[in-house]
């Protein structure tokens, strides 16, 4: 599981680091059970599908890192990411 980290190094040779949640694409690929996204998204080349329930679960996990006010706004952001990966979003 890839975990992004923000490392800040100071001049007195100390550092701090903050771990983030895994990327949205990791969660979407795992939910759709695919290895990678489509090479030609938007041109009929769907590689898998995810449900809105899965999207809402991912949005709840990613809520701390997303710039959204509620779960539904975060879910709509994730729907856009899924479509740009070539995933079909079904109810």
N, C-alpha and C. Protein backbone atom coordinates (compact mmCIF):
# COMPACT_ATOMS: atom_id res chain seq x y z
N UNK A 1 0.85 -1.17 0.00
CA UNK A 1 0.00 0.00 0.00
C UNK A 1 0.90 1.23 0.00
N UNK A 2 0.85 2.05 -1.04
CA UNK A 2 1.67 3.26 -1.09
C UNK A 2 1.11 4.32 -0.14
N UNK A 3 1.99 4.86 0.70
CA UNK A 3 1.58 5.89 1.64
C UNK A 3 2.44 7.13 1.40
N UNK A 4 1.82 8.23 0.94
CA UNK A 4 2.58 9.47 0.74
C UNK A 4 3.04 10.05 2.07
N UNK A 5 4.23 10.62 2.06
CA UNK A 5 4.80 11.21 3.26
C UNK A 5 5.34 12.59 2.91
N UNK A 6 5.08 13.56 3.79
CA UNK A 6 5.63 14.90 3.64
C UNK A 6 6.73 15.05 4.69
N UNK A 7 7.98 15.17 4.22
CA UNK A 7 9.13 15.30 5.11
C UNK A 7 9.62 16.73 5.09
N UNK A 8 9.81 17.29 6.27
CA UNK A 8 10.34 18.65 6.40
C UNK A 8 11.66 18.56 7.15
N UNK A 9 12.75 18.98 6.50
CA UNK A 9 14.08 18.97 7.13
C UNK A 9 14.44 20.39 7.54
N UNK A 10 14.96 20.53 8.74
CA UNK A 10 15.33 21.84 9.27
C UNK A 10 16.84 21.99 9.28
N UNK A 11 17.30 23.23 9.41
CA UNK A 11 18.74 23.51 9.35
C UNK A 11 19.50 22.95 10.55
N UNK A 12 18.84 22.69 11.66
CA UNK A 12 19.54 22.12 12.82
C UNK A 12 19.58 20.59 12.76
N UNK A 13 19.38 20.04 11.57
CA UNK A 13 19.48 18.62 11.26
C UNK A 13 18.37 17.79 11.90
N UNK A 14 17.26 18.41 12.24
CA UNK A 14 16.09 17.68 12.69
C UNK A 14 15.08 17.64 11.55
N UNK A 15 14.11 16.80 11.71
CA UNK A 15 13.09 16.69 10.67
C UNK A 15 11.76 16.28 11.29
N UNK A 16 10.71 16.53 10.54
CA UNK A 16 9.39 16.04 10.89
C UNK A 16 8.80 15.39 9.65
N UNK A 17 7.89 14.47 9.87
CA UNK A 17 7.20 13.88 8.72
C UNK A 17 5.74 13.63 9.08
N UNK A 18 4.91 13.78 8.06
CA UNK A 18 3.48 13.58 8.19
C UNK A 18 3.07 12.55 7.15
N UNK A 19 2.40 11.49 7.60
CA UNK A 19 1.92 10.49 6.66
C UNK A 19 0.51 10.83 6.23
N UNK A 20 0.21 10.57 4.98
CA UNK A 20 -1.11 10.83 4.41
C UNK A 20 -1.79 9.49 4.14
N UNK A 21 -3.02 9.56 3.65
CA UNK A 21 -3.71 8.33 3.26
C UNK A 21 -3.28 7.96 1.84
N UNK A 22 -3.42 6.69 1.48
CA UNK A 22 -3.02 6.27 0.13
C UNK A 22 -3.77 7.05 -0.94
N UNK A 23 -3.24 7.11 -2.16
CA UNK A 23 -3.90 7.85 -3.24
C UNK A 23 -5.26 7.26 -3.61
N UNK A 24 -6.11 8.10 -4.16
CA UNK A 24 -7.44 7.69 -4.58
C UNK A 24 -7.34 6.59 -5.64
N UNK A 25 -6.39 6.70 -6.53
CA UNK A 25 -6.26 5.71 -7.60
C UNK A 25 -5.98 4.32 -7.04
N UNK A 26 -5.24 4.25 -5.94
CA UNK A 26 -4.97 2.94 -5.32
C UNK A 26 -6.28 2.31 -4.85
N UNK A 27 -7.11 3.10 -4.15
CA UNK A 27 -8.38 2.58 -3.66
C UNK A 27 -9.31 2.20 -4.80
N UNK A 28 -9.34 3.02 -5.86
CA UNK A 28 -10.23 2.72 -6.99
C UNK A 28 -9.79 1.46 -7.72
N UNK A 29 -8.50 1.28 -7.94
CA UNK A 29 -8.02 0.07 -8.60
C UNK A 29 -8.31 -1.16 -7.76
N UNK A 30 -8.17 -1.03 -6.45
CA UNK A 30 -8.44 -2.15 -5.56
C UNK A 30 -9.93 -2.50 -5.57
N UNK A 31 -10.80 -1.48 -5.56
CA UNK A 31 -12.24 -1.72 -5.56
C UNK A 31 -12.71 -2.33 -6.88
N UNK A 32 -12.10 -1.94 -7.99
CA UNK A 32 -12.50 -2.46 -9.29
C UNK A 32 -11.76 -3.74 -9.65
N UNK A 33 -10.78 -4.13 -8.84
CA UNK A 33 -9.97 -5.34 -9.07
C UNK A 33 -9.29 -5.29 -10.44
N UNK A 34 -8.63 -4.15 -10.74
CA UNK A 34 -7.86 -4.01 -11.97
C UNK A 34 -6.42 -3.66 -11.63
N UNK A 35 -5.51 -3.93 -12.55
CA UNK A 35 -4.10 -3.64 -12.33
C UNK A 35 -3.75 -2.19 -12.64
N UNK A 36 -4.38 -1.64 -13.69
CA UNK A 36 -4.11 -0.26 -14.07
C UNK A 36 -5.32 0.31 -14.79
N UNK A 37 -5.33 1.63 -14.92
CA UNK A 37 -6.44 2.30 -15.59
C UNK A 37 -6.38 2.13 -17.09
N UNK A 38 -7.37 2.68 -17.77
CA UNK A 38 -7.48 2.57 -19.22
C UNK A 38 -6.42 3.43 -19.90
N UNK A 39 -5.94 2.96 -21.04
CA UNK A 39 -4.99 3.74 -21.84
C UNK A 39 -5.71 4.86 -22.58
N UNK A 40 -7.00 4.66 -22.89
CA UNK A 40 -7.79 5.65 -23.62
C UNK A 40 -9.10 5.89 -22.89
N UNK A 41 -9.10 6.60 -21.75
CA UNK A 41 -10.36 6.84 -21.05
C UNK A 41 -11.26 7.79 -21.84
N UNK A 42 -12.56 7.57 -21.75
CA UNK A 42 -13.51 8.41 -22.46
C UNK A 42 -13.78 8.00 -23.88
N UNK A 43 -13.07 7.03 -24.40
CA UNK A 43 -13.27 6.58 -25.77
C UNK A 43 -13.85 5.16 -25.80
N UNK A 44 -14.63 4.83 -24.79
CA UNK A 44 -15.24 3.51 -24.75
C UNK A 44 -14.36 2.43 -24.17
N UNK A 45 -13.17 2.78 -23.73
CA UNK A 45 -12.25 1.79 -23.19
C UNK A 45 -12.34 1.67 -21.69
N UNK A 46 -13.44 1.11 -21.17
CA UNK A 46 -13.55 0.92 -19.73
C UNK A 46 -12.85 -0.36 -19.34
N UNK A 47 -12.18 -0.32 -18.20
CA UNK A 47 -11.43 -1.47 -17.75
C UNK A 47 -12.11 -2.18 -16.58
N UNK A 48 -13.09 -1.54 -15.98
CA UNK A 48 -13.78 -2.14 -14.85
C UNK A 48 -14.90 -1.23 -14.39
N UNK A 49 -15.50 -1.59 -13.26
CA UNK A 49 -16.57 -0.75 -12.75
C UNK A 49 -16.52 -0.72 -11.23
N UNK A 50 -17.00 0.38 -10.67
CA UNK A 50 -17.12 0.54 -9.23
C UNK A 50 -18.54 1.02 -8.94
N UNK A 51 -19.03 0.71 -7.75
CA UNK A 51 -20.36 1.13 -7.37
C UNK A 51 -20.28 2.42 -6.56
N UNK A 52 -21.40 3.11 -6.47
CA UNK A 52 -21.44 4.33 -5.67
C UNK A 52 -21.20 4.03 -4.19
N UNK A 53 -21.59 2.85 -3.73
CA UNK A 53 -21.32 2.47 -2.34
C UNK A 53 -19.81 2.37 -2.09
N UNK A 54 -19.08 1.79 -3.04
CA UNK A 54 -17.63 1.72 -2.91
C UNK A 54 -17.02 3.12 -2.96
N UNK A 55 -17.55 3.99 -3.82
CA UNK A 55 -17.06 5.37 -3.92
C UNK A 55 -17.25 6.09 -2.59
N UNK A 56 -18.41 5.91 -1.96
CA UNK A 56 -18.68 6.57 -0.68
C UNK A 56 -17.76 6.04 0.42
N UNK A 57 -17.46 4.75 0.41
CA UNK A 57 -16.53 4.19 1.40
C UNK A 57 -15.13 4.78 1.23
N UNK A 58 -14.69 4.90 -0.01
CA UNK A 58 -13.37 5.49 -0.28
C UNK A 58 -13.37 6.95 0.12
N UNK A 59 -14.46 7.67 -0.15
CA UNK A 59 -14.55 9.08 0.22
C UNK A 59 -14.47 9.25 1.73
N UNK A 60 -15.08 8.35 2.48
CA UNK A 60 -15.00 8.43 3.94
C UNK A 60 -13.57 8.23 4.43
N UNK A 61 -12.83 7.32 3.78
CA UNK A 61 -11.42 7.09 4.17
C UNK A 61 -10.54 8.28 3.81
N UNK A 62 -10.81 8.91 2.65
CA UNK A 62 -9.97 10.00 2.14
C UNK A 62 -10.42 11.38 2.61
N UNK A 63 -11.46 11.48 3.42
CA UNK A 63 -12.05 12.76 3.78
C UNK A 63 -11.04 13.71 4.43
N UNK A 64 -10.08 13.20 5.20
CA UNK A 64 -9.12 14.08 5.87
C UNK A 64 -8.17 14.75 4.88
N UNK A 65 -7.93 14.14 3.73
CA UNK A 65 -7.00 14.69 2.75
C UNK A 65 -7.69 15.44 1.61
N UNK A 66 -9.01 15.32 1.50
CA UNK A 66 -9.72 15.95 0.39
C UNK A 66 -10.21 17.35 0.77
N UNK A 67 -10.37 18.16 -0.25
CA UNK A 67 -10.87 19.52 -0.08
C UNK A 67 -12.37 19.53 -0.35
N UNK A 68 -13.14 18.90 0.55
CA UNK A 68 -14.58 18.79 0.36
C UNK A 68 -15.28 19.00 1.70
N UNK A 69 -16.52 19.50 1.63
CA UNK A 69 -17.26 19.79 2.86
C UNK A 69 -17.98 18.58 3.42
N UNK A 70 -18.45 17.69 2.56
CA UNK A 70 -19.17 16.52 3.02
C UNK A 70 -18.83 15.31 2.15
N UNK A 71 -19.38 14.17 2.54
CA UNK A 71 -19.08 12.92 1.85
C UNK A 71 -19.57 12.94 0.40
N UNK A 72 -20.73 13.55 0.16
CA UNK A 72 -21.27 13.57 -1.20
C UNK A 72 -20.39 14.41 -2.14
N UNK A 73 -19.85 15.52 -1.65
CA UNK A 73 -18.95 16.33 -2.48
C UNK A 73 -17.66 15.56 -2.76
N UNK A 74 -17.16 14.87 -1.75
CA UNK A 74 -15.96 14.06 -1.94
C UNK A 74 -16.23 12.92 -2.91
N UNK A 75 -17.43 12.33 -2.82
CA UNK A 75 -17.78 11.23 -3.72
C UNK A 75 -17.85 11.71 -5.17
N UNK A 76 -18.35 12.92 -5.38
CA UNK A 76 -18.40 13.42 -6.76
C UNK A 76 -16.99 13.68 -7.31
N UNK A 77 -16.07 14.07 -6.45
CA UNK A 77 -14.67 14.22 -6.88
C UNK A 77 -14.10 12.86 -7.28
N UNK A 78 -14.43 11.82 -6.49
CA UNK A 78 -13.91 10.49 -6.77
C UNK A 78 -14.54 9.90 -8.03
N UNK A 79 -15.79 10.25 -8.32
CA UNK A 79 -16.43 9.79 -9.56
C UNK A 79 -15.66 10.33 -10.75
N UNK A 80 -15.25 11.59 -10.69
CA UNK A 80 -14.45 12.16 -11.77
C UNK A 80 -13.11 11.46 -11.93
N UNK A 81 -12.48 11.12 -10.81
CA UNK A 81 -11.21 10.39 -10.87
C UNK A 81 -11.41 9.00 -11.48
N UNK A 82 -12.50 8.35 -11.10
CA UNK A 82 -12.77 7.01 -11.62
C UNK A 82 -13.01 7.06 -13.13
N UNK A 83 -13.76 8.05 -13.59
CA UNK A 83 -14.02 8.15 -15.03
C UNK A 83 -12.75 8.46 -15.80
N UNK A 84 -11.87 9.26 -15.22
CA UNK A 84 -10.63 9.59 -15.92
C UNK A 84 -9.67 8.40 -15.95
N UNK A 85 -9.90 7.42 -15.09
CA UNK A 85 -9.11 6.19 -15.12
C UNK A 85 -9.70 5.15 -16.07
N UNK A 86 -10.91 5.42 -16.58
CA UNK A 86 -11.55 4.47 -17.46
C UNK A 86 -12.44 3.49 -16.72
N UNK A 87 -12.87 3.83 -15.51
CA UNK A 87 -13.76 2.98 -14.75
C UNK A 87 -15.19 3.45 -14.92
N UNK A 88 -16.11 2.51 -14.99
CA UNK A 88 -17.53 2.82 -15.10
C UNK A 88 -18.12 2.88 -13.70
N UNK A 89 -18.86 3.95 -13.40
CA UNK A 89 -19.48 4.12 -12.10
C UNK A 89 -20.95 3.73 -12.22
N UNK A 90 -21.37 2.73 -11.44
CA UNK A 90 -22.75 2.25 -11.48
C UNK A 90 -23.40 2.47 -10.12
N UNK A 91 -24.71 2.58 -10.11
CA UNK A 91 -25.46 2.74 -8.86
C UNK A 91 -25.52 1.43 -8.18
